[in-house]
Amino acid sequence: MGSAEIITTAVYIFRPWLLLQAPLTVEQVYVNASEIFNGSTGGSMVS
């Protein structure tokens, strides 16, 4: 799996309600992924 698939999967796991909205753009997926990863790592990860 590439990083894009991993990021998309993480968004779907941690933000499942986003699937109920309009299809996500790549930008929306990455914004949500950065929020997820920053939150889970205490903000130490540089996005």
PDB file of N, CA and C in Angstrom:
ATOM      1  N   MET A   1       0.837  -1.199   0.000  1.00  0.00           N
ATOM      2  CA  MET A   1       0.000   0.000   0.000  1.00  0.00           C
ATOM      3  C   MET A   1       0.873   1.251   0.000  1.00  0.00           C
ATOM      4  N   GLY A   2       0.459   2.217  -0.785  1.00  0.00           N
ATOM      5  CA  GLY A   2       1.177   3.482  -0.797  1.00  0.00           C
ATOM      6  C   GLY A   2       0.705   4.383   0.316  1.00  0.00           C
ATOM      7  N   SER A   3       1.397   5.493   0.471  1.00  0.00           N
ATOM      8  CA  SER A   3       1.047   6.411   1.559  1.00  0.00           C
ATOM      9  C   SER A   3      -0.344   7.004   1.358  1.00  0.00           C
ATOM     10  N   ALA A   4      -0.751   7.209   0.110  1.00  0.00           N
ATOM     11  CA  ALA A   4      -2.079   7.774  -0.147  1.00  0.00           C
ATOM     12  C   ALA A   4      -3.166   6.823   0.339  1.00  0.00           C
ATOM     13  N   GLU A   5      -2.991   5.523   0.088  1.00  0.00           N
ATOM     14  CA  GLU A   5      -3.980   4.548   0.542  1.00  0.00           C
ATOM     15  C   GLU A   5      -4.026   4.486   2.057  1.00  0.00           C
ATOM     16  N   ILE A   6      -2.860   4.547   2.692  1.00  0.00           N
ATOM     17  CA  ILE A   6      -2.808   4.496   4.156  1.00  0.00           C
ATOM     18  C   ILE A   6      -3.505   5.713   4.747  1.00  0.00           C
ATOM     19  N   ILE A   7      -3.229   6.887   4.178  1.00  0.00           N
ATOM     20  CA  ILE A   7      -3.842   8.120   4.678  1.00  0.00           C
ATOM     21  C   ILE A   7      -5.349   8.071   4.489  1.00  0.00           C
ATOM     22  N   THR A   8      -5.793   7.644   3.306  1.00  0.00           N
ATOM     23  CA  THR A   8      -7.228   7.566   3.046  1.00  0.00           C
ATOM     24  C   THR A   8      -7.899   6.592   4.001  1.00  0.00           C
ATOM     25  N   THR A   9      -7.270   5.440   4.234  1.00  0.00           N
ATOM     26  CA  THR A   9      -7.816   4.452   5.160  1.00  0.00           C
ATOM     27  C   THR A   9      -7.912   5.017   6.565  1.00  0.00           C
ATOM     28  N   ALA A  10      -6.892   5.754   6.977  1.00  0.00           N
ATOM     29  CA  ALA A  10      -6.903   6.349   8.317  1.00  0.00           C
ATOM     30  C   ALA A  10      -8.059   7.327   8.462  1.00  0.00           C
ATOM     31  N   VAL A  11      -8.291   8.120   7.424  1.00  0.00           N
ATOM     32  CA  VAL A  11      -9.409   9.070   7.472  1.00  0.00           C
ATOM     33  C   VAL A  11     -10.722   8.308   7.592  1.00  0.00           C
ATOM     34  N   TYR A  12     -10.875   7.233   6.808  1.00  0.00           N
ATOM     35  CA  TYR A  12     -12.118   6.463   6.855  1.00  0.00           C
ATOM     36  C   TYR A  12     -12.318   5.790   8.204  1.00  0.00           C
ATOM     37  N   ILE A  13     -11.225   5.383   8.853  1.00  0.00           N
ATOM     38  CA  ILE A  13     -11.330   4.724  10.155  1.00  0.00           C
ATOM     39  C   ILE A  13     -11.654   5.735  11.249  1.00  0.00           C
ATOM     40  N   PHE A  14     -10.909   6.853  11.252  1.00  0.00           N
ATOM     41  CA  PHE A  14     -11.055   7.824  12.340  1.00  0.00           C
ATOM     42  C   PHE A  14     -12.157   8.846  12.094  1.00  0.00           C
ATOM     43  N   ARG A  15     -12.548   9.032  10.835  1.00  0.00           N
ATOM     44  CA  ARG A  15     -13.584  10.017  10.511  1.00  0.00           C
ATOM     45  C   ARG A  15     -14.648   9.381   9.606  1.00  0.00           C
ATOM     46  N   PRO A  16     -15.285   8.303  10.070  1.00  0.00           N
ATOM     47  CA  PRO A  16     -16.214   7.576   9.180  1.00  0.00           C
ATOM     48  C   PRO A  16     -17.385   8.424   8.717  1.00  0.00           C
ATOM     49  N   TRP A  17     -17.763   9.437   9.528  1.00  0.00           N
ATOM     50  CA  TRP A  17     -18.903  10.261   9.140  1.00  0.00           C
ATOM     51  C   TRP A  17     -18.615  11.062   7.875  1.00  0.00           C
ATOM     52  N   LEU A  18     -17.356  11.218   7.517  1.00  0.00           N
ATOM     53  CA  LEU A  18     -17.026  11.941   6.291  1.00  0.00           C
ATOM     54  C   LEU A  18     -17.523  11.183   5.063  1.00  0.00           C
ATOM     55  N   LEU A  19     -17.662   9.860   5.208  1.00  0.00           N
ATOM     56  CA  LEU A  19     -18.150   9.059   4.088  1.00  0.00           C
ATOM     57  C   LEU A  19     -19.601   9.368   3.774  1.00  0.00           C
ATOM     58  N   LEU A  20     -20.333   9.894   4.771  1.00  0.00           N
ATOM     59  CA  LEU A  20     -21.746  10.188   4.562  1.00  0.00           C
ATOM     60  C   LEU A  20     -21.940  11.503   3.829  1.00  0.00           C
ATOM     61  N   GLN A  21     -20.891  12.299   3.758  1.00  0.00           N
ATOM     62  CA  GLN A  21     -20.966  13.581   3.072  1.00  0.00           C
ATOM     63  C   GLN A  21     -20.608  13.396   1.602  1.00  0.00           C
ATOM     64  N   ALA A  22     -20.458  14.507   0.918  1.00  0.00           N
ATOM     65  CA  ALA A  22     -20.067  14.441  -0.484  1.00  0.00           C
ATOM     66  C   ALA A  22     -18.695  13.782  -0.594  1.00  0.00           C
ATOM     67  N   PRO A  23     -18.393  13.202  -1.743  1.00  0.00           N
ATOM     68  CA  PRO A  23     -17.081  12.563  -1.916  1.00  0.00           C
ATOM     69  C   PRO A  23     -15.961  13.533  -1.557  1.00  0.00           C
ATOM     70  N   LEU A  24     -15.000  13.032  -0.815  1.00  0.00           N
ATOM     71  CA  LEU A  24     -13.905  13.879  -0.356  1.00  0.00           C
ATOM     72  C   LEU A  24     -12.946  14.192  -1.500  1.00  0.00           C
ATOM     73  N   THR A  25     -12.473  15.422  -1.510  1.00  0.00           N
ATOM     74  CA  THR A  25     -11.399  15.756  -2.433  1.00  0.00           C
ATOM     75  C   THR A  25     -10.091  15.304  -1.802  1.00  0.00           C
ATOM     76  N   VAL A  26      -9.064  15.235  -2.594  1.00  0.00           N
ATOM     77  CA  VAL A  26      -7.756  14.834  -2.070  1.00  0.00           C
ATOM     78  C   VAL A  26      -7.327  15.796  -0.976  1.00  0.00           C
ATOM     79  N   GLU A  27      -7.589  17.082  -1.183  1.00  0.00           N
ATOM     80  CA  GLU A  27      -7.195  18.083  -0.188  1.00  0.00           C
ATOM     81  C   GLU A  27      -7.911  17.840   1.130  1.00  0.00           C
ATOM     82  N   GLN A  28      -9.204  17.545   1.083  1.00  0.00           N
ATOM     83  CA  GLN A  28      -9.965  17.297   2.310  1.00  0.00           C
ATOM     84  C   GLN A  28      -9.432  16.068   3.034  1.00  0.00           C
ATOM     85  N   VAL A  29      -9.090  15.039   2.279  1.00  0.00           N
ATOM     86  CA  VAL A  29      -8.556  13.823   2.883  1.00  0.00           C
ATOM     87  C   VAL A  29      -7.258  14.122   3.616  1.00  0.00           C
ATOM     88  N   TYR A  30      -6.382  14.881   2.965  1.00  0.00           N
ATOM     89  CA  TYR A  30      -5.092  15.178   3.592  1.00  0.00           C
ATOM     90  C   TYR A  30      -5.237  16.100   4.787  1.00  0.00           C
ATOM     91  N   VAL A  31      -6.167  17.056   4.717  1.00  0.00           N
ATOM     92  CA  VAL A  31      -6.394  17.945   5.863  1.00  0.00           C
ATOM     93  C   VAL A  31      -6.860  17.133   7.057  1.00  0.00           C
ATOM     94  N   ASN A  32      -7.823  16.235   6.833  1.00  0.00           N
ATOM     95  CA  ASN A  32      -8.323  15.409   7.927  1.00  0.00           C
ATOM     96  C   ASN A  32      -7.247  14.462   8.431  1.00  0.00           C
ATOM     97  N   ALA A  33      -6.467  13.907   7.524  1.00  0.00           N
ATOM     98  CA  ALA A  33      -5.404  12.995   7.936  1.00  0.00           C
ATOM     99  C   ALA A  33      -4.370  13.717   8.791  1.00  0.00           C
ATOM    100  N   SER A  34      -4.028  14.938   8.405  1.00  0.00           N
ATOM    101  CA  SER A  34      -3.031  15.669   9.194  1.00  0.00           C
ATOM    102  C   SER A  34      -3.563  15.968  10.584  1.00  0.00           C
ATOM    103  N   GLU A  35      -4.866  16.265  10.678  1.00  0.00           N
ATOM    104  CA  GLU A  35      -5.467  16.504  11.992  1.00  0.00           C
ATOM    105  C   GLU A  35      -5.443  15.228  12.830  1.00  0.00           C
ATOM    106  N   ILE A  36      -5.759  14.103  12.205  1.00  0.00           N
ATOM    107  CA  ILE A  36      -5.763  12.819  12.910  1.00  0.00           C
ATOM    108  C   ILE A  36      -4.360  12.495  13.415  1.00  0.00           C
ATOM    109  N   PHE A  37      -3.378  12.596  12.522  1.00  0.00           N
ATOM    110  CA  PHE A  37      -2.015  12.227  12.905  1.00  0.00           C
ATOM    111  C   PHE A  37      -1.445  13.206  13.917  1.00  0.00           C
ATOM    112  N   ASN A  38      -1.741  14.486  13.758  1.00  0.00           N
ATOM    113  CA  ASN A  38      -1.247  15.467  14.722  1.00  0.00           C
ATOM    114  C   ASN A  38      -1.875  15.223  16.085  1.00  0.00           C
ATOM    115  N   GLY A  39      -3.154  14.875  16.111  1.00  0.00           N
ATOM    116  CA  GLY A  39      -3.822  14.607  17.375  1.00  0.00           C
ATOM    117  C   GLY A  39      -3.306  13.339  18.034  1.00  0.00           C
ATOM    118  N   SER A  40      -3.042  12.310  17.231  1.00  0.00           N
ATOM    119  CA  SER A  40      -2.637  11.030  17.805  1.00  0.00           C
ATOM    120  C   SER A  40      -1.180  11.041  18.244  1.00  0.00           C
ATOM    121  N   THR A  41      -0.392  11.973  17.714  1.00  0.00           N
ATOM    122  CA  THR A  41       1.021  12.024  18.089  1.00  0.00           C
ATOM    123  C   THR A  41       1.304  13.212  18.988  1.00  0.00           C
ATOM    124  N   GLY A  42       0.267  13.868  19.455  1.00  0.00           N
ATOM    125  CA  GLY A  42       0.459  15.013  20.332  1.00  0.00           C
ATOM    126  C   GLY A  42       0.956  16.242  19.601  1.00  0.00           C
ATOM    127  N   GLY A  43       0.796  16.263  18.279  1.00  0.00           N
ATOM    128  CA  GLY A  43       1.202  17.421  17.502  1.00  0.00           C
ATOM    129  C   GLY A  43       2.685  17.469  17.217  1.00  0.00           C
ATOM    130  N   SER A  44       3.402  16.399  17.526  1.00  0.00           N
ATOM    131  CA  SER A  44       4.850  16.410  17.324  1.00  0.00           C
ATOM    132  C   SER A  44       5.212  16.120  15.873  1.00  0.00           C
ATOM    133  N   MET A  45       4.280  15.556  15.120  1.00  0.00           N
ATOM    134  CA  MET A  45       4.547  15.206  13.735  1.00  0.00           C
ATOM    135  C   MET A  45       4.366  16.429  12.853  1.00  0.00           C
ATOM    136  N   VAL A  46       5.344  16.720  12.035  1.00  0.00           N
ATOM    137  CA  VAL A  46       5.266  17.886  11.152  1.00  0.00           C
ATOM    138  C   VAL A  46       4.444  17.513   9.931  1.00  0.00           C
ATOM    139  N   SER A  47       3.408  18.298   9.658  1.00  0.00           N
ATOM    140  CA  SER A  47       2.547  17.998   8.515  1.00  0.00           C
ATOM    141  C   SER A  47       3.010  18.743   7.281  1.00  0.00           C
TER     142      SER A  47
END
